[in-house]
Amino acid sequence: MPLKAIVLALPLLAAGPFAMAQNPIEKNGLPCVPEICLGDSLPELSKIQWVPAQTSFKINNKVQATAERKLSEDDIKALKGLFPMATQAAPFLYEKQFDATALPALSRVTAACDVNELFGSFGSSAVPTKVGISLMPALTDPNRQAWIVTSIVREFPDVNTIEQKASVTLMLKQRYSRFGAGTRELPSTKPGDGRFFLGGMSNFGFGLSLVRAPDEEKRLKQHATCSATSKVASAAPAPR
């Protein structure tokens, strides 16, 4: 992939007012790639063409779509300990994956009882992007949870030479300096901040991540549905 094409895949590197309007480097104080930002919710996710999610194993030597994954009763029971409303989205929640098919079902999952993250992918093989989403509690009210983008990793498999990597790294530092790119010591963070890191999944690339609150697990368990589930479980007789 020519370096020029790679440059166009980076936010704001195709400089100018139009590029600025189309591909903001940040939104609501959080960093973005051209297609999506940290902190975005399900409506923004629905605008992207996601790669169909597939399970990690094959059936009769054929790849199985996650949407068709069949779970056992024990799997469902265990899953509902984490997501009490798991029913329709169960295969995706179990596999920790999402795609376009999953989004409508995920919109009906409004409570998680522990820290979680699902992953989906989009983009060409030349510029693959992996996105993580989590059902997270509002900082002010643990009974309000919402799916938001918590991580974005973008790779450039065709950037191989030292010169190419140095050029792209310099541009990334210029674009994401406010989020820690190019700094040896990261500034102090608070929950909800966005951070940049250099490095992809297996190839040269970069990532963006949302800083999570240290008490997130505690606040997730404070959701009314989770509290009720916990009380029922603790009241059940111990197995003999």
C-alpha atoms as a PDB file:
ATOM      1  CA  MET A   1       0.000   0.000   0.000  1.00  0.00           C
ATOM      2  CA  PRO A   2       1.544   3.366  -1.017  1.00  0.00           C
ATOM      3  CA  LEU A   3       2.415   5.715   1.821  1.00  0.00           C
ATOM      4  CA  LYS A   4       0.061   8.300   0.297  1.00  0.00           C
ATOM      5  CA  ALA A   5      -2.901   5.938   0.729  1.00  0.00           C
ATOM      6  CA  ILE A   6      -1.858   5.204   4.296  1.00  0.00           C
ATOM      7  CA  VAL A   7      -1.697   8.912   5.017  1.00  0.00           C
ATOM      8  CA  LEU A   8      -5.255   9.352   3.785  1.00  0.00           C
ATOM      9  CA  ALA A   9      -6.365   6.651   6.207  1.00  0.00           C
ATOM     10  CA  LEU A  10      -5.107   8.679   9.158  1.00  0.00           C
ATOM     11  CA  PRO A  11      -7.387  11.296  10.694  1.00  0.00           C
ATOM     12  CA  LEU A  12      -6.816  14.853   9.513  1.00  0.00           C
ATOM     13  CA  LEU A  13      -3.681  14.017   7.551  1.00  0.00           C
ATOM     14  CA  ALA A  14      -5.533  14.923   4.381  1.00  0.00           C
ATOM     15  CA  ALA A  15      -5.386  18.492   5.662  1.00  0.00           C
ATOM     16  CA  GLY A  16      -7.820  21.259   4.953  1.00  0.00           C
ATOM     17  CA  PRO A  17     -11.167  22.581   6.214  1.00  0.00           C
ATOM     18  CA  PHE A  18     -13.180  19.852   4.504  1.00  0.00           C
ATOM     19  CA  ALA A  19     -11.046  17.088   6.008  1.00  0.00           C
ATOM     20  CA  MET A  20     -11.340  18.786   9.394  1.00  0.00           C
ATOM     21  CA  ALA A  21     -15.137  18.716   9.177  1.00  0.00           C
ATOM     22  CA  GLN A  22     -15.318  15.150   7.907  1.00  0.00           C
ATOM     23  CA  ASN A  23     -12.715  13.541  10.162  1.00  0.00           C
ATOM     24  CA  PRO A  24     -12.424  15.302  13.523  1.00  0.00           C
ATOM     25  CA  ILE A  25      -9.368  14.348  15.556  1.00  0.00           C
ATOM     26  CA  GLU A  26     -11.556  14.375  18.645  1.00  0.00           C
ATOM     27  CA  LYS A  27     -15.164  14.532  19.766  1.00  0.00           C
ATOM     28  CA  ASN A  28     -16.370  15.466  23.239  1.00  0.00           C
ATOM     29  CA  GLY A  29     -12.741  15.581  24.328  1.00  0.00           C
ATOM     30  CA  LEU A  30     -11.983  12.021  23.196  1.00  0.00           C
ATOM     31  CA  PRO A  31      -9.752  10.915  20.281  1.00  0.00           C
ATOM     32  CA  CYS A  32     -11.078   9.518  17.007  1.00  0.00           C
ATOM     33  CA  VAL A  33     -10.158   7.748  13.806  1.00  0.00           C
ATOM     34  CA  PRO A  34     -12.051   9.028  10.755  1.00  0.00           C
ATOM     35  CA  GLU A  35     -14.914   6.562  11.154  1.00  0.00           C
ATOM     36  CA  ILE A  36     -15.456   6.398  14.914  1.00  0.00           C
ATOM     37  CA  CYS A  37     -14.427   7.891  18.272  1.00  0.00           C
ATOM     38  CA  LEU A  38     -13.849   6.647  21.779  1.00  0.00           C
ATOM     39  CA  GLY A  39     -17.057   7.183  23.733  1.00  0.00           C
ATOM     40  CA  ASP A  40     -19.322   6.645  20.696  1.00  0.00           C
ATOM     41  CA  SER A  41     -22.498   4.624  21.250  1.00  0.00           C
ATOM     42  CA  LEU A  42     -24.587   2.081  19.301  1.00  0.00           C
ATOM     43  CA  PRO A  43     -26.088   4.592  16.800  1.00  0.00           C
ATOM     44  CA  GLU A  44     -22.577   5.556  15.619  1.00  0.00           C
ATOM     45  CA  LEU A  45     -21.548   1.898  15.469  1.00  0.00           C
ATOM     46  CA  SER A  46     -24.497   1.121  13.183  1.00  0.00           C
ATOM     47  CA  LYS A  47     -23.053   3.397  10.474  1.00  0.00           C
ATOM     48  CA  ILE A  48     -20.011   1.157   9.946  1.00  0.00           C
ATOM     49  CA  GLN A  49     -19.741  -1.958   7.759  1.00  0.00           C
ATOM     50  CA  TRP A  50     -18.525  -4.531  10.271  1.00  0.00           C
ATOM     51  CA  VAL A  51     -16.826  -7.775   9.320  1.00  0.00           C
ATOM     52  CA  PRO A  52     -19.271 -10.615  10.162  1.00  0.00           C
ATOM     53  CA  ALA A  53     -18.230 -12.164  13.484  1.00  0.00           C
ATOM     54  CA  GLN A  54     -17.094 -15.792  13.443  1.00  0.00           C
ATOM     55  CA  THR A  55     -16.546 -18.284  16.243  1.00  0.00           C
ATOM     56  CA  SER A  56     -13.069 -19.502  17.116  1.00  0.00           C
ATOM     57  CA  PHE A  57     -13.771 -23.106  16.122  1.00  0.00           C
ATOM     58  CA  LYS A  58     -15.150 -24.905  13.056  1.00  0.00           C
ATOM     59  CA  ILE A  59     -18.037 -27.328  12.588  1.00  0.00           C
ATOM     60  CA  ASN A  60     -17.480 -30.013   9.946  1.00  0.00           C
ATOM     61  CA  ASN A  61     -14.382 -28.050   8.951  1.00  0.00           C
ATOM     62  CA  LYS A  62     -16.510 -24.985   8.199  1.00  0.00           C
ATOM     63  CA  VAL A  63     -16.295 -21.607   9.898  1.00  0.00           C
ATOM     64  CA  GLN A  64     -19.381 -20.828  11.965  1.00  0.00           C
ATOM     65  CA  ALA A  65     -20.946 -17.373  12.150  1.00  0.00           C
ATOM     66  CA  THR A  66     -21.203 -16.171  15.730  1.00  0.00           C
ATOM     67  CA  ALA A  67     -24.881 -15.344  15.174  1.00  0.00           C
ATOM     68  CA  GLU A  68     -25.494 -19.091  14.613  1.00  0.00           C
ATOM     69  CA  ARG A  69     -23.599 -20.242  17.696  1.00  0.00           C
ATOM     70  CA  LYS A  70     -25.697 -22.571  19.854  1.00  0.00           C
ATOM     71  CA  LEU A  71     -25.141 -22.353  23.586  1.00  0.00           C
ATOM     72  CA  SER A  72     -25.894 -24.987  26.187  1.00  0.00           C
ATOM     73  CA  GLU A  73     -28.178 -24.310  29.139  1.00  0.00           C
ATOM     74  CA  ASP A  74     -25.119 -24.181  31.390  1.00  0.00           C
ATOM     75  CA  ASP A  75     -23.502 -21.621  29.075  1.00  0.00           C
ATOM     76  CA  ILE A  76     -26.623 -19.451  29.175  1.00  0.00           C
ATOM     77  CA  LYS A  77     -26.888 -19.732  32.950  1.00  0.00           C
ATOM     78  CA  ALA A  78     -23.268 -18.695  33.436  1.00  0.00           C
ATOM     79  CA  LEU A  79     -23.622 -15.855  30.934  1.00  0.00           C
ATOM     80  CA  LYS A  80     -26.688 -14.446  32.695  1.00  0.00           C
ATOM     81  CA  GLY A  81     -24.597 -14.060  35.821  1.00  0.00           C
ATOM     82  CA  LEU A  82     -22.714 -11.373  33.904  1.00  0.00           C
ATOM     83  CA  PHE A  83     -25.462 -10.142  31.564  1.00  0.00           C
ATOM     84  CA  PRO A  84     -28.925 -10.816  33.115  1.00  0.00           C
ATOM     85  CA  MET A  85     -30.660  -9.802  29.846  1.00  0.00           C
ATOM     86  CA  ALA A  86     -28.392 -11.879  27.622  1.00  0.00           C
ATOM     87  CA  THR A  87     -31.031 -13.906  25.747  1.00  0.00           C
ATOM     88  CA  GLN A  88     -31.028 -12.662  22.117  1.00  0.00           C
ATOM     89  CA  ALA A  89     -27.439 -11.389  22.154  1.00  0.00           C
ATOM     90  CA  ALA A  90     -26.115 -14.486  23.973  1.00  0.00           C
ATOM     91  CA  PRO A  91     -23.866 -15.887  21.196  1.00  0.00           C
ATOM     92  CA  PHE A  92     -22.089 -12.544  20.791  1.00  0.00           C
ATOM     93  CA  LEU A  93     -21.751 -11.947  24.513  1.00  0.00           C
ATOM     94  CA  TYR A  94     -20.387 -15.461  25.010  1.00  0.00           C
ATOM     95  CA  GLU A  95     -17.822 -15.084  22.210  1.00  0.00           C
ATOM     96  CA  LYS A  96     -17.036 -11.472  23.239  1.00  0.00           C
ATOM     97  CA  GLN A  97     -17.680 -10.335  19.678  1.00  0.00           C
ATOM     98  CA  PHE A  98     -20.040  -8.045  17.799  1.00  0.00           C
ATOM     99  CA  ASP A  99     -20.952  -7.131  14.244  1.00  0.00           C
ATOM    100  CA  ALA A 100     -23.861  -5.382  12.496  1.00  0.00           C
ATOM    101  CA  THR A 101     -26.186  -8.304  13.267  1.00  0.00           C
ATOM    102  CA  ALA A 102     -25.405  -8.054  16.982  1.00  0.00           C
ATOM    103  CA  LEU A 103     -26.130  -4.348  17.467  1.00  0.00           C
ATOM    104  CA  PRO A 104     -29.979  -4.506  17.634  1.00  0.00           C
ATOM    105  CA  ALA A 105     -29.789  -7.340  20.182  1.00  0.00           C
ATOM    106  CA  LEU A 106     -27.123  -5.543  22.224  1.00  0.00           C
ATOM    107  CA  SER A 107     -29.370  -2.485  22.458  1.00  0.00           C
ATOM    108  CA  ARG A 108     -31.713  -4.610  24.610  1.00  0.00           C
ATOM    109  CA  VAL A 109     -28.900  -5.634  26.960  1.00  0.00           C
ATOM    110  CA  THR A 110     -28.922  -2.776  29.453  1.00  0.00           C
ATOM    111  CA  ALA A 111     -27.195  -4.297  32.488  1.00  0.00           C
ATOM    112  CA  ALA A 112     -23.793  -5.897  33.041  1.00  0.00           C
ATOM    113  CA  CYS A 113     -22.661  -7.115  36.450  1.00  0.00           C
ATOM    114  CA  ASP A 114     -18.927  -7.117  35.810  1.00  0.00           C
ATOM    115  CA  VAL A 115     -16.304  -5.406  33.641  1.00  0.00           C
ATOM    116  CA  ASN A 116     -16.741  -6.481  30.012  1.00  0.00           C
ATOM    117  CA  GLU A 117     -15.640  -5.801  26.427  1.00  0.00           C
ATOM    118  CA  LEU A 118     -16.751  -7.127  23.025  1.00  0.00           C
ATOM    119  CA  PHE A 119     -14.733  -6.752  19.829  1.00  0.00           C
ATOM    120  CA  GLY A 120     -15.633  -6.085  16.207  1.00  0.00           C
ATOM    121  CA  SER A 121     -13.586  -5.382  13.083  1.00  0.00           C
ATOM    122  CA  PHE A 122     -13.942  -3.256   9.955  1.00  0.00           C
ATOM    123  CA  GLY A 123     -11.796  -1.933   7.128  1.00  0.00           C
ATOM    124  CA  SER A 124      -9.796  -3.460   4.305  1.00  0.00           C
ATOM    125  CA  SER A 125      -6.898  -5.876   4.743  1.00  0.00           C
ATOM    126  CA  ALA A 126      -4.596  -2.912   4.049  1.00  0.00           C
ATOM    127  CA  VAL A 127      -5.983  -0.864   6.979  1.00  0.00           C
ATOM    128  CA  PRO A 128      -7.756  -3.247   9.413  1.00  0.00           C
ATOM    129  CA  THR A 129      -9.339  -1.757  12.517  1.00  0.00           C
ATOM    130  CA  LYS A 130     -10.456  -3.536  15.698  1.00  0.00           C
ATOM    131  CA  VAL A 131     -12.947  -1.834  18.015  1.00  0.00           C
ATOM    132  CA  GLY A 132     -13.830  -2.719  21.585  1.00  0.00           C
ATOM    133  CA  ILE A 133     -17.176  -1.784  23.138  1.00  0.00           C
ATOM    134  CA  SER A 134     -18.260  -2.126  26.758  1.00  0.00           C
ATOM    135  CA  LEU A 135     -21.470  -1.815  28.717  1.00  0.00           C
ATOM    136  CA  MET A 136     -20.434   0.771  31.302  1.00  0.00           C
ATOM    137  CA  PRO A 137     -22.150   2.525  34.218  1.00  0.00           C
ATOM    138  CA  ALA A 138     -22.693   6.269  34.285  1.00  0.00           C
ATOM    139  CA  LEU A 139     -20.324   7.968  36.698  1.00  0.00           C
ATOM    140  CA  THR A 140     -23.253   9.567  38.530  1.00  0.00           C
ATOM    141  CA  ASP A 141     -25.818   6.735  38.496  1.00  0.00           C
ATOM    142  CA  PRO A 142     -24.903   3.008  38.498  1.00  0.00           C
ATOM    143  CA  ASN A 143     -28.443   2.125  37.376  1.00  0.00           C
ATOM    144  CA  ARG A 144     -27.742   3.782  34.026  1.00  0.00           C
ATOM    145  CA  GLN A 145     -25.481   1.697  31.808  1.00  0.00           C
ATOM    146  CA  ALA A 146     -24.708   2.214  28.120  1.00  0.00           C
ATOM    147  CA  TRP A 147     -22.652   0.554  25.383  1.00  0.00           C
ATOM    148  CA  ILE A 148     -19.744   2.771  24.383  1.00  0.00           C
ATOM    149  CA  VAL A 149     -16.527   2.444  22.394  1.00  0.00           C
ATOM    150  CA  THR A 150     -13.676   1.769  24.818  1.00  0.00           C
ATOM    151  CA  SER A 151     -10.800   0.869  22.488  1.00  0.00           C
ATOM    152  CA  ILE A 152      -9.749   1.309  18.860  1.00  0.00           C
ATOM    153  CA  VAL A 153      -6.707  -0.372  17.279  1.00  0.00           C
ATOM    154  CA  ARG A 154      -5.724   0.404  13.678  1.00  0.00           C
ATOM    155  CA  GLU A 155      -2.965  -1.389  11.767  1.00  0.00           C
ATOM    156  CA  PHE A 156      -0.926  -0.628   8.643  1.00  0.00           C
ATOM    157  CA  PRO A 157       0.403  -4.038   7.503  1.00  0.00           C
ATOM    158  CA  ASP A 158       2.066  -2.517   4.426  1.00  0.00           C
ATOM    159  CA  VAL A 159       4.157  -0.083   6.447  1.00  0.00           C
ATOM    160  CA  ASN A 160       7.345  -2.110   6.662  1.00  0.00           C
ATOM    161  CA  THR A 161      10.444  -0.002   6.167  1.00  0.00           C
ATOM    162  CA  ILE A 162      12.110   2.037   8.893  1.00  0.00           C
ATOM    163  CA  GLU A 163      11.499   5.194   6.861  1.00  0.00           C
ATOM    164  CA  GLN A 164       7.768   4.474   6.441  1.00  0.00           C
ATOM    165  CA  LYS A 165       7.320   3.702  10.129  1.00  0.00           C
ATOM    166  CA  ALA A 166       9.177   6.859  11.144  1.00  0.00           C
ATOM    167  CA  SER A 167       7.056   9.000   8.804  1.00  0.00           C
ATOM    168  CA  VAL A 168       3.730   7.589   9.983  1.00  0.00           C
ATOM    169  CA  THR A 169       4.823   7.692  13.642  1.00  0.00           C
ATOM    170  CA  LEU A 170       5.678  11.383  13.302  1.00  0.00           C
ATOM    171  CA  MET A 171       2.251  12.126  11.835  1.00  0.00           C
ATOM    172  CA  LEU A 172       0.543  10.144  14.579  1.00  0.00           C
ATOM    173  CA  LYS A 173       2.447  12.078  17.224  1.00  0.00           C
ATOM    174  CA  GLN A 174       1.320  15.347  15.672  1.00  0.00           C
ATOM    175  CA  ARG A 175      -2.312  14.234  15.507  1.00  0.00           C
ATOM    176  CA  TYR A 176      -2.587  12.637  18.956  1.00  0.00           C
ATOM    177  CA  SER A 177      -0.104  14.623  21.044  1.00  0.00           C
ATOM    178  CA  ARG A 178      -2.893  15.803  23.359  1.00  0.00           C
ATOM    179  CA  PHE A 179      -3.640  12.178  24.209  1.00  0.00           C
ATOM    180  CA  GLY A 180      -0.092  11.176  25.058  1.00  0.00           C
ATOM    181  CA  ALA A 181       1.436  10.436  21.632  1.00  0.00           C
ATOM    182  CA  GLY A 182       5.146  11.200  21.549  1.00  0.00           C
ATOM    183  CA  THR A 183       5.475  11.835  25.267  1.00  0.00           C
ATOM    184  CA  ARG A 184       7.807   9.770  27.439  1.00  0.00           C
ATOM    185  CA  GLU A 185       5.753  10.267  30.551  1.00  0.00           C
ATOM    186  CA  LEU A 186       1.971  10.196  30.294  1.00  0.00           C
ATOM    187  CA  PRO A 187       0.162  12.950  32.171  1.00  0.00           C
ATOM    188  CA  SER A 188      -2.069  11.907  35.033  1.00  0.00           C
ATOM    189  CA  THR A 189      -5.418  10.562  33.897  1.00  0.00           C
ATOM    190  CA  LYS A 190      -8.925  10.391  35.246  1.00  0.00           C
ATOM    191  CA  PRO A 191     -11.772   8.010  34.383  1.00  0.00           C
ATOM    192  CA  GLY A 192     -13.231   8.805  30.981  1.00  0.00           C
ATOM    193  CA  ASP A 193     -10.018  10.226  29.483  1.00  0.00           C
ATOM    194  CA  GLY A 194      -8.718   8.961  26.147  1.00  0.00           C
ATOM    195  CA  ARG A 195      -5.170   7.721  25.628  1.00  0.00           C
ATOM    196  CA  PHE A 196      -2.990   6.967  22.582  1.00  0.00           C
ATOM    197  CA  PHE A 197      -0.536   4.072  22.351  1.00  0.00           C
ATOM    198  CA  LEU A 198       1.785   3.043  19.541  1.00  0.00           C
ATOM    199  CA  GLY A 199       1.451  -0.580  18.446  1.00  0.00           C
ATOM    200  CA  GLY A 200      -1.101  -2.737  16.649  1.00  0.00           C
ATOM    201  CA  MET A 201      -2.501  -6.217  17.092  1.00  0.00           C
ATOM    202  CA  SER A 202       0.269  -8.030  15.202  1.00  0.00           C
ATOM    203  CA  ASN A 203       1.466  -5.400  12.695  1.00  0.00           C
ATOM    204  CA  PHE A 204       2.629  -1.802  12.856  1.00  0.00           C
ATOM    205  CA  GLY A 205      -0.208   0.457  13.990  1.00  0.00           C
ATOM    206  CA  PHE A 206      -1.633   2.447  16.856  1.00  0.00           C
ATOM    207  CA  GLY A 207      -4.415   2.340  19.391  1.00  0.00           C
ATOM    208  CA  LEU A 208      -6.743   4.530  21.404  1.00  0.00           C
ATOM    209  CA  SER A 209      -8.164   3.497  24.751  1.00  0.00           C
ATOM    210  CA  LEU A 210     -10.589   4.850  27.320  1.00  0.00           C
ATOM    211  CA  VAL A 211      -9.369   5.190  30.898  1.00  0.00           C
ATOM    212  CA  ARG A 212     -11.667   3.132  33.111  1.00  0.00           C
ATOM    213  CA  ALA A 213     -12.595   3.956  36.698  1.00  0.00           C
ATOM    214  CA  PRO A 214     -10.923   1.808  39.379  1.00  0.00           C
ATOM    215  CA  ASP A 215     -14.313   1.199  41.003  1.00  0.00           C
ATOM    216  CA  GLU A 216     -16.090   0.255  37.752  1.00  0.00           C
ATOM    217  CA  GLU A 217     -16.672  -3.351  38.826  1.00  0.00           C
ATOM    218  CA  LYS A 218     -18.235  -2.195  42.106  1.00  0.00           C
ATOM    219  CA  ARG A 219     -20.552   0.260  40.345  1.00  0.00           C
ATOM    220  CA  LEU A 220     -21.611  -2.335  37.775  1.00  0.00           C
ATOM    221  CA  LYS A 221     -22.683  -4.681  40.560  1.00  0.00           C
ATOM    222  CA  GLN A 222     -24.771  -1.859  42.088  1.00  0.00           C
ATOM    223  CA  HIS A 223     -27.216  -1.980  39.151  1.00  0.00           C
ATOM    224  CA  ALA A 224     -30.643  -2.995  40.462  1.00  0.00           C
ATOM    225  CA  THR A 225     -30.788  -6.083  38.222  1.00  0.00           C
ATOM    226  CA  CYS A 226     -27.372  -7.265  39.378  1.00  0.00           C
ATOM    227  CA  SER A 227     -28.191  -6.626  43.027  1.00  0.00           C
ATOM    228  CA  ALA A 228     -31.412  -8.641  42.729  1.00  0.00           C
ATOM    229  CA  THR A 229     -29.605 -11.513  40.982  1.00  0.00           C
ATOM    230  CA  SER A 230     -26.934 -11.534  43.676  1.00  0.00           C
ATOM    231  CA  LYS A 231     -29.541 -11.685  46.459  1.00  0.00           C
ATOM    232  CA  VAL A 232     -31.346 -14.616  44.829  1.00  0.00           C
ATOM    233  CA  ALA A 233     -28.057 -16.483  44.407  1.00  0.00           C
ATOM    234  CA  SER A 234     -27.000 -15.911  48.009  1.00  0.00           C
ATOM    235  CA  ALA A 235     -30.429 -17.037  49.284  1.00  0.00           C
ATOM    236  CA  ALA A 236     -30.359 -20.290  47.335  1.00  0.00           C
ATOM    237  CA  PRO A 237     -29.590 -23.442  49.367  1.00  0.00           C
ATOM    238  CA  ALA A 238     -26.056 -24.749  49.060  1.00  0.00           C
ATOM    239  CA  PRO A 239     -25.686 -27.875  46.886  1.00  0.00           C
ATOM    240  CA  ARG A 240     -25.346 -31.148  48.844  1.00  0.00           C
END
